[in-house]
Amino acid sequence: SFLFFALKSIESIWRINIVNNQFIKIYKKSPNEIVVNDF
């Protein structure tokens, strides 16, 4: 069960940096890569 949740928690994200060492996290495949890259 822990392995299942660990595998589901793997994130593939785009990190867009903002000032003060902060960033915006955008999930690459939610809803899909084409929509995310276009956005």
ModelCIF file with pLDDT and N, C-alpha, C, O atoms, coordinates in Angstrom:
data_MODEL
#
_entry.id   MODEL 
#
_entity.id                         1 
_entity.type                       polymer 
_entity.pdbx_number_of_molecules   1 
#
_entity_poly.entity_id                      1 
_entity_poly.type                           'polypeptide(L)' 
_entity_poly.nstd_linkage                   no 
_entity_poly.nstd_monomer                   no 
_entity_poly.pdbx_seq_one_letter_code       SFLFFALKSIESIWRINIVNNQFIKIYKKSPNEIVVNDF 
_entity_poly.pdbx_seq_one_letter_code_can   SFLFFALKSIESIWRINIVNNQFIKIYKKSPNEIVVNDF 
_entity_poly.pdbx_strand_id                 A 
#
loop_
_entity_poly_seq.entity_id 
_entity_poly_seq.num 
_entity_poly_seq.mon_id 
_entity_poly_seq.hetero 
1 1  SER n 
1 2  PHE n 
1 3  LEU n 
1 4  PHE n 
1 5  PHE n 
1 6  ALA n 
1 7  LEU n 
1 8  LYS n 
1 9  SER n 
1 10 ILE n 
1 11 GLU n 
1 12 SER n 
1 13 ILE n 
1 14 TRP n 
1 15 ARG n 
1 16 ILE n 
1 17 ASN n 
1 18 ILE n 
1 19 VAL n 
1 20 ASN n 
1 21 ASN n 
1 22 GLN n 
1 23 PHE n 
1 24 ILE n 
1 25 LYS n 
1 26 ILE n 
1 27 TYR n 
1 28 LYS n 
1 29 LYS n 
1 30 SER n 
1 31 PRO n 
1 32 ASN n 
1 33 GLU n 
1 34 ILE n 
1 35 VAL n 
1 36 VAL n 
1 37 ASN n 
1 38 ASP n 
1 39 PHE n 
#
_struct_asym.id          A 
_struct_asym.entity_id   1 
#
loop_
_ma_qa_metric.id 
_ma_qa_metric.mode 
_ma_qa_metric.name 
_ma_qa_metric.software_group_id 
_ma_qa_metric.type 
1 global pLDDT . pLDDT 
2 local  pLDDT . pLDDT 
#
_ma_qa_metric_global.metric_id      1 
_ma_qa_metric_global.metric_value   90.00 
_ma_qa_metric_global.model_id       1 
_ma_qa_metric_global.ordinal_id     1 
#
loop_
_ma_qa_metric_local.label_asym_id 
_ma_qa_metric_local.label_comp_id 
_ma_qa_metric_local.label_seq_id 
_ma_qa_metric_local.metric_id 
_ma_qa_metric_local.metric_value 
_ma_qa_metric_local.model_id 
_ma_qa_metric_local.ordinal_id 
A SER 1  2 93.00 1 1  
A PHE 2  2 91.00 1 2  
A LEU 3  2 91.00 1 3  
A PHE 4  2 90.00 1 4  
A PHE 5  2 86.00 1 5  
A ALA 6  2 86.00 1 6  
A LEU 7  2 84.00 1 7  
A LYS 8  2 80.00 1 8  
A SER 9  2 77.00 1 9  
A ILE 10 2 80.00 1 10 
A GLU 11 2 80.00 1 11 
A SER 12 2 87.00 1 12 
A ILE 13 2 90.00 1 13 
A TRP 14 2 93.00 1 14 
A ARG 15 2 94.00 1 15 
A ILE 16 2 95.00 1 16 
A ASN 17 2 94.00 1 17 
A ILE 18 2 94.00 1 18 
A VAL 19 2 91.00 1 19 
A ASN 20 2 89.00 1 20 
A ASN 21 2 89.00 1 21 
A GLN 22 2 92.00 1 22 
A PHE 23 2 93.00 1 23 
A ILE 24 2 93.00 1 24 
A LYS 25 2 91.00 1 25 
A ILE 26 2 92.00 1 26 
A TYR 27 2 90.00 1 27 
A LYS 28 2 90.00 1 28 
A LYS 29 2 87.00 1 29 
A SER 30 2 87.00 1 30 
A PRO 31 2 89.00 1 31 
A ASN 32 2 91.00 1 32 
A GLU 33 2 91.00 1 33 
A ILE 34 2 94.00 1 34 
A VAL 35 2 95.00 1 35 
A VAL 36 2 95.00 1 36 
A ASN 37 2 94.00 1 37 
A ASP 38 2 96.00 1 38 
A PHE 39 2 96.00 1 39 
#
loop_
_atom_site.group_PDB 
_atom_site.id 
_atom_site.type_symbol 
_atom_site.label_atom_id 
_atom_site.label_alt_id 
_atom_site.label_comp_id 
_atom_site.label_asym_id 
_atom_site.label_entity_id 
_atom_site.label_seq_id 
_atom_site.pdbx_PDB_ins_code 
_atom_site.Cartn_x 
_atom_site.Cartn_y 
_atom_site.Cartn_z 
_atom_site.occupancy 
_atom_site.B_iso_or_equiv 
_atom_site.pdbx_formal_charge 
_atom_site.auth_seq_id 
_atom_site.auth_comp_id 
_atom_site.auth_asym_id 
_atom_site.auth_atom_id 
_atom_site.pdbx_PDB_model_num 
ATOM 1   N N  . SER A 1 1  ? 0.837  -1.212 0.000   1.00 93.00 ? 1  SER A N  1 
ATOM 2   C CA . SER A 1 1  ? 0.000  0.000  0.000   1.00 93.00 ? 1  SER A CA 1 
ATOM 3   C C  . SER A 1 1  ? 0.866  1.253  0.000   1.00 93.00 ? 1  SER A C  1 
ATOM 4   O O  . SER A 1 1  ? 0.613  2.187  -0.762  1.00 93.00 ? 1  SER A O  1 
ATOM 5   N N  . PHE A 1 2  ? 1.892  1.276  0.857   1.00 91.00 ? 2  PHE A N  1 
ATOM 6   C CA . PHE A 1 2  ? 2.792  2.428  0.875   1.00 91.00 ? 2  PHE A CA 1 
ATOM 7   C C  . PHE A 1 2  ? 3.528  2.589  -0.460  1.00 91.00 ? 2  PHE A C  1 
ATOM 8   O O  . PHE A 1 2  ? 3.730  3.709  -0.930  1.00 91.00 ? 2  PHE A O  1 
ATOM 9   N N  . LEU A 1 3  ? 3.926  1.464  -1.068  1.00 91.00 ? 3  LEU A N  1 
ATOM 10  C CA . LEU A 1 3  ? 4.599  1.529  -2.364  1.00 91.00 ? 3  LEU A CA 1 
ATOM 11  C C  . LEU A 1 3  ? 3.666  2.104  -3.432  1.00 91.00 ? 3  LEU A C  1 
ATOM 12  O O  . LEU A 1 3  ? 4.089  2.913  -4.257  1.00 91.00 ? 3  LEU A O  1 
ATOM 13  N N  . PHE A 1 4  ? 2.401  1.687  -3.414  1.00 90.00 ? 4  PHE A N  1 
ATOM 14  C CA . PHE A 1 4  ? 1.416  2.203  -4.373  1.00 90.00 ? 4  PHE A CA 1 
ATOM 15  C C  . PHE A 1 4  ? 1.296  3.724  -4.252  1.00 90.00 ? 4  PHE A C  1 
ATOM 16  O O  . PHE A 1 4  ? 1.359  4.440  -5.252  1.00 90.00 ? 4  PHE A O  1 
ATOM 17  N N  . PHE A 1 5  ? 1.122  4.212  -3.011  1.00 86.00 ? 5  PHE A N  1 
ATOM 18  C CA . PHE A 1 5  ? 0.995  5.663  -2.815  1.00 86.00 ? 5  PHE A CA 1 
ATOM 19  C C  . PHE A 1 5  ? 2.294  6.399  -3.141  1.00 86.00 ? 5  PHE A C  1 
ATOM 20  O O  . PHE A 1 5  ? 2.260  7.530  -3.625  1.00 86.00 ? 5  PHE A O  1 
ATOM 21  N N  . ALA A 1 6  ? 3.443  5.761  -2.880  1.00 86.00 ? 6  ALA A N  1 
ATOM 22  C CA . ALA A 1 6  ? 4.724  6.384  -3.214  1.00 86.00 ? 6  ALA A CA 1 
ATOM 23  C C  . ALA A 1 6  ? 4.864  6.530  -4.724  1.00 86.00 ? 6  ALA A C  1 
ATOM 24  O O  . ALA A 1 6  ? 5.317  7.567  -5.210  1.00 86.00 ? 6  ALA A O  1 
ATOM 25  N N  . LEU A 1 7  ? 4.476  5.497  -5.467  1.00 84.00 ? 7  LEU A N  1 
ATOM 26  C CA . LEU A 1 7  ? 4.549  5.573  -6.926  1.00 84.00 ? 7  LEU A CA 1 
ATOM 27  C C  . LEU A 1 7  ? 3.571  6.600  -7.484  1.00 84.00 ? 7  LEU A C  1 
ATOM 28  O O  . LEU A 1 7  ? 3.873  7.291  -8.457  1.00 84.00 ? 7  LEU A O  1 
ATOM 29  N N  . LYS A 1 8  ? 2.398  6.696  -6.865  1.00 80.00 ? 8  LYS A N  1 
ATOM 30  C CA . LYS A 1 8  ? 1.412  7.691  -7.311  1.00 80.00 ? 8  LYS A CA 1 
ATOM 31  C C  . LYS A 1 8  ? 1.848  9.116  -6.976  1.00 80.00 ? 8  LYS A C  1 
ATOM 32  O O  . LYS A 1 8  ? 1.394  10.069 -7.610  1.00 80.00 ? 8  LYS A O  1 
ATOM 33  N N  . SER A 1 9  ? 2.725  9.267  -5.986  1.00 77.00 ? 9  SER A N  1 
ATOM 34  C CA . SER A 1 9  ? 3.154  10.611 -5.574  1.00 77.00 ? 9  SER A CA 1 
ATOM 35  C C  . SER A 1 9  ? 4.314  11.149 -6.413  1.00 77.00 ? 9  SER A C  1 
ATOM 36  O O  . SER A 1 9  ? 4.717  12.299 -6.233  1.00 77.00 ? 9  SER A O  1 
ATOM 37  N N  . ILE A 1 10 ? 4.855  10.346 -7.320  1.00 80.00 ? 10 ILE A N  1 
ATOM 38  C CA . ILE A 1 10 ? 5.945  10.826 -8.176  1.00 80.00 ? 10 ILE A CA 1 
ATOM 39  C C  . ILE A 1 10 ? 5.404  11.929 -9.063  1.00 80.00 ? 10 ILE A C  1 
ATOM 40  O O  . ILE A 1 10 ? 4.404  11.748 -9.758  1.00 80.00 ? 10 ILE A O  1 
ATOM 41  N N  . GLU A 1 11 ? 6.076  13.081 -9.036  1.00 80.00 ? 11 GLU A N  1 
ATOM 42  C CA . GLU A 1 11 ? 5.609  14.253 -9.788  1.00 80.00 ? 11 GLU A CA 1 
ATOM 43  C C  . GLU A 1 11 ? 6.592  14.594 -10.896 1.00 80.00 ? 11 GLU A C  1 
ATOM 44  O O  . GLU A 1 11 ? 7.809  14.577 -10.710 1.00 80.00 ? 11 GLU A O  1 
ATOM 45  N N  . SER A 1 12 ? 6.034  14.898 -12.034 1.00 87.00 ? 12 SER A N  1 
ATOM 46  C CA . SER A 1 12 ? 6.811  15.446 -13.134 1.00 87.00 ? 12 SER A CA 1 
ATOM 47  C C  . SER A 1 12 ? 6.255  16.845 -13.355 1.00 87.00 ? 12 SER A C  1 
ATOM 48  O O  . SER A 1 12 ? 5.121  17.009 -13.807 1.00 87.00 ? 12 SER A O  1 
ATOM 49  N N  . ILE A 1 13 ? 7.070  17.863 -13.030 1.00 90.00 ? 13 ILE A N  1 
ATOM 50  C CA . ILE A 1 13 ? 6.534  19.230 -13.022 1.00 90.00 ? 13 ILE A CA 1 
ATOM 51  C C  . ILE A 1 13 ? 7.432  20.184 -13.809 1.00 90.00 ? 13 ILE A C  1 
ATOM 52  O O  . ILE A 1 13 ? 8.606  19.910 -14.057 1.00 90.00 ? 13 ILE A O  1 
ATOM 53  N N  . TRP A 1 14 ? 6.835  21.311 -14.189 1.00 93.00 ? 14 TRP A N  1 
ATOM 54  C CA . TRP A 1 14 ? 7.587  22.481 -14.650 1.00 93.00 ? 14 TRP A CA 1 
ATOM 55  C C  . TRP A 1 14 ? 7.707  23.419 -13.467 1.00 93.00 ? 14 TRP A C  1 
ATOM 56  O O  . TRP A 1 14 ? 6.724  23.708 -12.783 1.00 93.00 ? 14 TRP A O  1 
ATOM 57  N N  . ARG A 1 15 ? 8.901  23.883 -13.235 1.00 94.00 ? 15 ARG A N  1 
ATOM 58  C CA . ARG A 1 15 ? 9.141  24.849 -12.155 1.00 94.00 ? 15 ARG A CA 1 
ATOM 59  C C  . ARG A 1 15 ? 9.474  26.187 -12.812 1.00 94.00 ? 15 ARG A C  1 
ATOM 60  O O  . ARG A 1 15 ? 10.461 26.307 -13.537 1.00 94.00 ? 15 ARG A O  1 
ATOM 61  N N  . ILE A 1 16 ? 8.634  27.190 -12.548 1.00 95.00 ? 16 ILE A N  1 
ATOM 62  C CA . ILE A 1 16 ? 8.862  28.537 -13.076 1.00 95.00 ? 16 ILE A CA 1 
ATOM 63  C C  . ILE A 1 16 ? 9.252  29.420 -11.894 1.00 95.00 ? 16 ILE A C  1 
ATOM 64  O O  . ILE A 1 16 ? 8.454  29.652 -10.985 1.00 95.00 ? 16 ILE A O  1 
ATOM 65  N N  . ASN A 1 17 ? 10.473 29.900 -11.922 1.00 94.00 ? 17 ASN A N  1 
ATOM 66  C CA . ASN A 1 17 ? 10.973 30.694 -10.790 1.00 94.00 ? 17 ASN A CA 1 
ATOM 67  C C  . ASN A 1 17 ? 10.350 32.080 -10.771 1.00 94.00 ? 17 ASN A C  1 
ATOM 68  O O  . ASN A 1 17 ? 10.087 32.690 -11.807 1.00 94.00 ? 17 ASN A O  1 
ATOM 69  N N  . ILE A 1 18 ? 10.124 32.552 -9.547  1.00 94.00 ? 18 ILE A N  1 
ATOM 70  C CA . ILE A 1 18 ? 9.695  33.924 -9.329  1.00 94.00 ? 18 ILE A CA 1 
ATOM 71  C C  . ILE A 1 18 ? 10.665 34.546 -8.324  1.00 94.00 ? 18 ILE A C  1 
ATOM 72  O O  . ILE A 1 18 ? 11.518 33.852 -7.771  1.00 94.00 ? 18 ILE A O  1 
ATOM 73  N N  . VAL A 1 19 ? 10.535 35.835 -8.092  1.00 91.00 ? 19 VAL A N  1 
ATOM 74  C CA . VAL A 1 19 ? 11.482 36.518 -7.207  1.00 91.00 ? 19 VAL A CA 1 
ATOM 75  C C  . VAL A 1 19 ? 11.434 35.939 -5.790  1.00 91.00 ? 19 VAL A C  1 
ATOM 76  O O  . VAL A 1 19 ? 10.490 35.236 -5.430  1.00 91.00 ? 19 VAL A O  1 
ATOM 77  N N  . ASN A 1 20 ? 12.452 36.239 -5.002  1.00 89.00 ? 20 ASN A N  1 
ATOM 78  C CA . ASN A 1 20 ? 12.581 35.803 -3.601  1.00 89.00 ? 20 ASN A CA 1 
ATOM 79  C C  . ASN A 1 20 ? 12.688 34.294 -3.458  1.00 89.00 ? 20 ASN A C  1 
ATOM 80  O O  . ASN A 1 20 ? 12.184 33.722 -2.492  1.00 89.00 ? 20 ASN A O  1 
ATOM 81  N N  . ASN A 1 21 ? 13.342 33.651 -4.414  1.00 89.00 ? 21 ASN A N  1 
ATOM 82  C CA . ASN A 1 21 ? 13.583 32.198 -4.375  1.00 89.00 ? 21 ASN A CA 1 
ATOM 83  C C  . ASN A 1 21 ? 12.307 31.374 -4.246  1.00 89.00 ? 21 ASN A C  1 
ATOM 84  O O  . ASN A 1 21 ? 12.327 30.291 -3.662  1.00 89.00 ? 21 ASN A O  1 
ATOM 85  N N  . GLN A 1 22 ? 11.221 31.866 -4.775  1.00 92.00 ? 22 GLN A N  1 
ATOM 86  C CA . GLN A 1 22 ? 9.960  31.131 -4.815  1.00 92.00 ? 22 GLN A CA 1 
ATOM 87  C C  . GLN A 1 22 ? 9.781  30.577 -6.229  1.00 92.00 ? 22 GLN A C  1 
ATOM 88  O O  . GLN A 1 22 ? 10.526 30.931 -7.143  1.00 92.00 ? 22 GLN A O  1 
ATOM 89  N N  . PHE A 1 23 ? 8.786  29.706 -6.397  1.00 93.00 ? 23 PHE A N  1 
ATOM 90  C CA . PHE A 1 23 ? 8.522  29.199 -7.739  1.00 93.00 ? 23 PHE A CA 1 
ATOM 91  C C  . PHE A 1 23 ? 7.069  28.779 -7.874  1.00 93.00 ? 23 PHE A C  1 
ATOM 92  O O  . PHE A 1 23 ? 6.367  28.543 -6.890  1.00 93.00 ? 23 PHE A O  1 
ATOM 93  N N  . ILE A 1 24 ? 6.642  28.696 -9.129  1.00 93.00 ? 24 ILE A N  1 
ATOM 94  C CA . ILE A 1 24 ? 5.312  28.192 -9.470  1.00 93.00 ? 24 ILE A CA 1 
ATOM 95  C C  . ILE A 1 24 ? 5.506  26.758 -9.937  1.00 93.00 ? 24 ILE A C  1 
ATOM 96  O O  . ILE A 1 24 ? 6.359  26.480 -10.780 1.00 93.00 ? 24 ILE A O  1 
ATOM 97  N N  . LYS A 1 25 ? 4.712  25.855 -9.387  1.00 91.00 ? 25 LYS A N  1 
ATOM 98  C CA . LYS A 1 25 ? 4.795  24.448 -9.756  1.00 91.00 ? 25 LYS A CA 1 
ATOM 99  C C  . LYS A 1 25 ? 3.614  24.120 -10.665 1.00 91.00 ? 25 LYS A C  1 
ATOM 100 O O  . LYS A 1 25 ? 2.458  24.275 -10.271 1.00 91.00 ? 25 LYS A O  1 
ATOM 101 N N  . ILE A 1 26 ? 3.910  23.664 -11.888 1.00 92.00 ? 26 ILE A N  1 
ATOM 102 C CA . ILE A 1 26 ? 2.861  23.288 -12.835 1.00 92.00 ? 26 ILE A CA 1 
ATOM 103 C C  . ILE A 1 26 ? 3.085  21.831 -13.226 1.00 92.00 ? 26 ILE A C  1 
ATOM 104 O O  . ILE A 1 26 ? 4.147  21.483 -13.741 1.00 92.00 ? 26 ILE A O  1 
ATOM 105 N N  . TYR A 1 27 ? 2.093  20.983 -12.986 1.00 90.00 ? 27 TYR A N  1 
ATOM 106 C CA . TYR A 1 27 ? 2.192  19.560 -13.309 1.00 90.00 ? 27 TYR A CA 1 
ATOM 107 C C  . TYR A 1 27 ? 2.218  19.377 -14.819 1.00 90.00 ? 27 TYR A C  1 
ATOM 108 O O  . TYR A 1 27 ? 1.359  19.907 -15.524 1.00 90.00 ? 27 TYR A O  1 
ATOM 109 N N  . LYS A 1 28 ? 3.206  18.622 -15.327 1.00 90.00 ? 28 LYS A N  1 
ATOM 110 C CA . LYS A 1 28 ? 3.397  18.506 -16.765 1.00 90.00 ? 28 LYS A CA 1 
ATOM 111 C C  . LYS A 1 28 ? 2.281  17.729 -17.470 1.00 90.00 ? 28 LYS A C  1 
ATOM 112 O O  . LYS A 1 28 ? 1.968  18.019 -18.624 1.00 90.00 ? 28 LYS A O  1 
ATOM 113 N N  . LYS A 1 29 ? 1.687  16.765 -16.804 1.00 87.00 ? 29 LYS A N  1 
ATOM 114 C CA . LYS A 1 29 ? 0.749  15.870 -17.497 1.00 87.00 ? 29 LYS A CA 1 
ATOM 115 C C  . LYS A 1 29 ? -0.688 16.016 -17.018 1.00 87.00 ? 29 LYS A C  1 
ATOM 116 O O  . LYS A 1 29 ? -1.500 15.112 -17.216 1.00 87.00 ? 29 LYS A O  1 
ATOM 117 N N  . SER A 1 30 ? -1.008 17.127 -16.398 1.00 87.00 ? 30 SER A N  1 
ATOM 118 C CA . SER A 1 30 ? -2.378 17.327 -15.919 1.00 87.00 ? 30 SER A CA 1 
ATOM 119 C C  . SER A 1 30 ? -2.937 18.615 -16.506 1.00 87.00 ? 30 SER A C  1 
ATOM 120 O O  . SER A 1 30 ? -2.467 19.685 -16.119 1.00 87.00 ? 30 SER A O  1 
ATOM 121 N N  . PRO A 1 31 ? -3.892 18.586 -17.399 1.00 89.00 ? 31 PRO A N  1 
ATOM 122 C CA . PRO A 1 31 ? -4.586 17.409 -17.935 1.00 89.00 ? 31 PRO A CA 1 
ATOM 123 C C  . PRO A 1 31 ? -3.763 16.625 -18.953 1.00 89.00 ? 31 PRO A C  1 
ATOM 124 O O  . PRO A 1 31 ? -3.886 15.401 -19.008 1.00 89.00 ? 31 PRO A O  1 
ATOM 125 N N  . ASN A 1 32 ? -2.919 17.290 -19.773 1.00 91.00 ? 32 ASN A N  1 
ATOM 126 C CA . ASN A 1 32 ? -1.970 16.592 -20.640 1.00 91.00 ? 32 ASN A CA 1 
ATOM 127 C C  . ASN A 1 32 ? -0.849 17.564 -21.020 1.00 91.00 ? 32 ASN A C  1 
ATOM 128 O O  . ASN A 1 32 ? -0.958 18.772 -20.814 1.00 91.00 ? 32 ASN A O  1 
ATOM 129 N N  . GLU A 1 33 ? 0.231  17.004 -21.580 1.00 91.00 ? 33 GLU A N  1 
ATOM 130 C CA . GLU A 1 33 ? 1.421  17.822 -21.848 1.00 91.00 ? 33 GLU A CA 1 
ATOM 131 C C  . GLU A 1 33 ? 1.173  18.929 -22.868 1.00 91.00 ? 33 GLU A C  1 
ATOM 132 O O  . GLU A 1 33 ? 1.718  20.024 -22.732 1.00 91.00 ? 33 GLU A O  1 
ATOM 133 N N  . ILE A 1 34 ? 0.363  18.661 -23.878 1.00 94.00 ? 34 ILE A N  1 
ATOM 134 C CA . ILE A 1 34 ? 0.094  19.662 -24.919 1.00 94.00 ? 34 ILE A CA 1 
ATOM 135 C C  . ILE A 1 34 ? -0.623 20.870 -24.328 1.00 94.00 ? 34 ILE A C  1 
ATOM 136 O O  . ILE A 1 34 ? -0.246 22.011 -24.595 1.00 94.00 ? 34 ILE A O  1 
ATOM 137 N N  . VAL A 1 35 ? -1.657 20.623 -23.525 1.00 95.00 ? 35 VAL A N  1 
ATOM 138 C CA . VAL A 1 35 ? -2.421 21.713 -22.905 1.00 95.00 ? 35 VAL A CA 1 
ATOM 139 C C  . VAL A 1 35 ? -1.530 22.511 -21.958 1.00 95.00 ? 35 VAL A C  1 
ATOM 140 O O  . VAL A 1 35 ? -1.585 23.741 -21.945 1.00 95.00 ? 35 VAL A O  1 
ATOM 141 N N  . VAL A 1 36 ? -0.714 21.825 -21.169 1.00 95.00 ? 36 VAL A N  1 
ATOM 142 C CA . VAL A 1 36 ? 0.163  22.494 -20.194 1.00 95.00 ? 36 VAL A CA 1 
ATOM 143 C C  . VAL A 1 36 ? 1.207  23.354 -20.908 1.00 95.00 ? 36 VAL A C  1 
ATOM 144 O O  . VAL A 1 36 ? 1.411  24.510 -20.538 1.00 95.00 ? 36 VAL A O  1 
ATOM 145 N N  . ASN A 1 37 ? 1.869  22.800 -21.927 1.00 94.00 ? 37 ASN A N  1 
ATOM 146 C CA . ASN A 1 37 ? 2.895  23.564 -22.655 1.00 94.00 ? 37 ASN A CA 1 
ATOM 147 C C  . ASN A 1 37 ? 2.286  24.766 -23.373 1.00 94.00 ? 37 ASN A C  1 
ATOM 148 O O  . ASN A 1 37 ? 2.894  25.834 -23.427 1.00 94.00 ? 37 ASN A O  1 
ATOM 149 N N  . ASP A 1 38 ? 1.089  24.589 -23.920 1.00 96.00 ? 38 ASP A N  1 
ATOM 150 C CA . ASP A 1 38 ? 0.395  25.694 -24.581 1.00 96.00 ? 38 ASP A CA 1 
ATOM 151 C C  . ASP A 1 38 ? 0.049  26.793 -23.568 1.00 96.00 ? 38 ASP A C  1 
ATOM 152 O O  . ASP A 1 38 ? 0.207  27.979 -23.859 1.00 96.00 ? 38 ASP A O  1 
ATOM 153 N N  . PHE A 1 39 ? -0.421 26.396 -22.382 1.00 96.00 ? 39 PHE A N  1 
ATOM 154 C CA . PHE A 1 39 ? -0.754 27.358 -21.331 1.00 96.00 ? 39 PHE A CA 1 
ATOM 155 C C  . PHE A 1 39 ? 0.486  28.162 -20.919 1.00 96.00 ? 39 PHE A C  1 
ATOM 156 O O  . PHE A 1 39 ? 0.401  29.024 -20.044 1.00 96.00 ? 39 PHE A O  1 
#
